Amino acid sequence: MKRRRSKEEAGTPRRIPSQQRGRERVERILSVAMELIEKNGSDALRMGEIVEKAGVSFGSLYQYFPDKTAIIRVLAERFNEQGRQCVEIELARVQSTDDLQGALGSIVDGYYAMFRDEPVMRDIWHATQADKLLQEIDAEDMEWHSQAFLAVLHRLWPTRDSEELARIARLTMQLVAAAVRYAISLEKEEGDRAIALFKAMLPADIGAVSEKPPQSMQ
């Protein structure tokens, strides 16, 4: 009789193998899963098909991944780490307020290119938003981006209200993600135009952004 998984186990990899043979097996499983997701989408991913194409037993597969959600989690975390490295590089180049708009534009371009070049990333990204067990990954990644951008804003405007800067950072990163998510849902030519338009809409002077409403004209 199949043992019922607890809520803590569901969607979470069981353990990271320490021996090379085990690591190679895990990488083979993940590679096959990516191929299947790219071909059929994450919803159609089946553990039995992974077993067949990866040449592993069900026992070996479940030793590391209790379900397909756990596999998608690992893939999502890897893609997120790849994106974070690019963001860190762009934000590290910001030396003055004049650099902010260009840095944000480069981040938008980088994510848009990654999702266009790696269709499987699009499907995994959608999966992290649709699956309740994976939504925390998307939320954690968004918070990481917000905090990274907030650190830059604090450096540029050390005397401004911290809570206001935090709201600006979070909203900016949410808008960036929404723009990329929208653009990759379109045909490439139209998506390119949407990204170019969004970059043109980015404020040239984020320092002038304030949550205080403008005074009405007399």
Foldseek 3Di string as FASTA:
>chain_A
DDDDDDPVQPLAWDDQDDDPVLNVLLVLLLVVQLVCCLVPNLVPDDPVVSCVVSVHDPVSVCNTHVGSSNSLLVVLVVVLVVLVVLLLVLLVPDDAQQSVLVSLLVSLVVVLVVCVVRVSNLRSVVVLVPDPVNVVVVVVSLVVQLVSVLVSVCVHPVPDDSVFSSVLSSVSSVVSVVQSNVLVVDDVVVSVVSSVVVSVVPDSGVVVDGPDDDDDDD
